[in-house]
């Protein structure tokens, strides 16, 4: 695999992990949001990742993967009801719909995305070091 391919694949992974980190941070920040611009409580979001292919890399009848990409950001999960009678968004019985977001699960996902980001940075650094060593051989 040429150096450019290794760098572009790792760069695509960096972009995906950055998006994952941003979406997870948004979930954590909105864990108590009972009203959004759309009207209801915030809905947990997840990043769906897919393979990135290039038409220039068609091998036979199949396309060769060239990295990863964000295929979509989907709203998942429901809401939980909490008894908060003094809250302005509570219903007549004092119950409030809040996002069903587990902060511990979100932090675990955040740590996994951070580790994946760090792994991609390490892969880029290794590819850069190999390229520099190859240039030194020619001297």
Foldseek 3Di string as FASTA:
>chain_A
DDLVLLLQQLVQLLVQLVVQLVLLVVCVVQQFAQADPVGGADFRKGWDKDFDFDPVQDDDPDTDGRHMHGPDIDGDADWDKDQQQVDPQADPNRITTGYPDDNVVSVVSNVVSVVSNVVSVVSNVVSVVVVVVVVVVVD
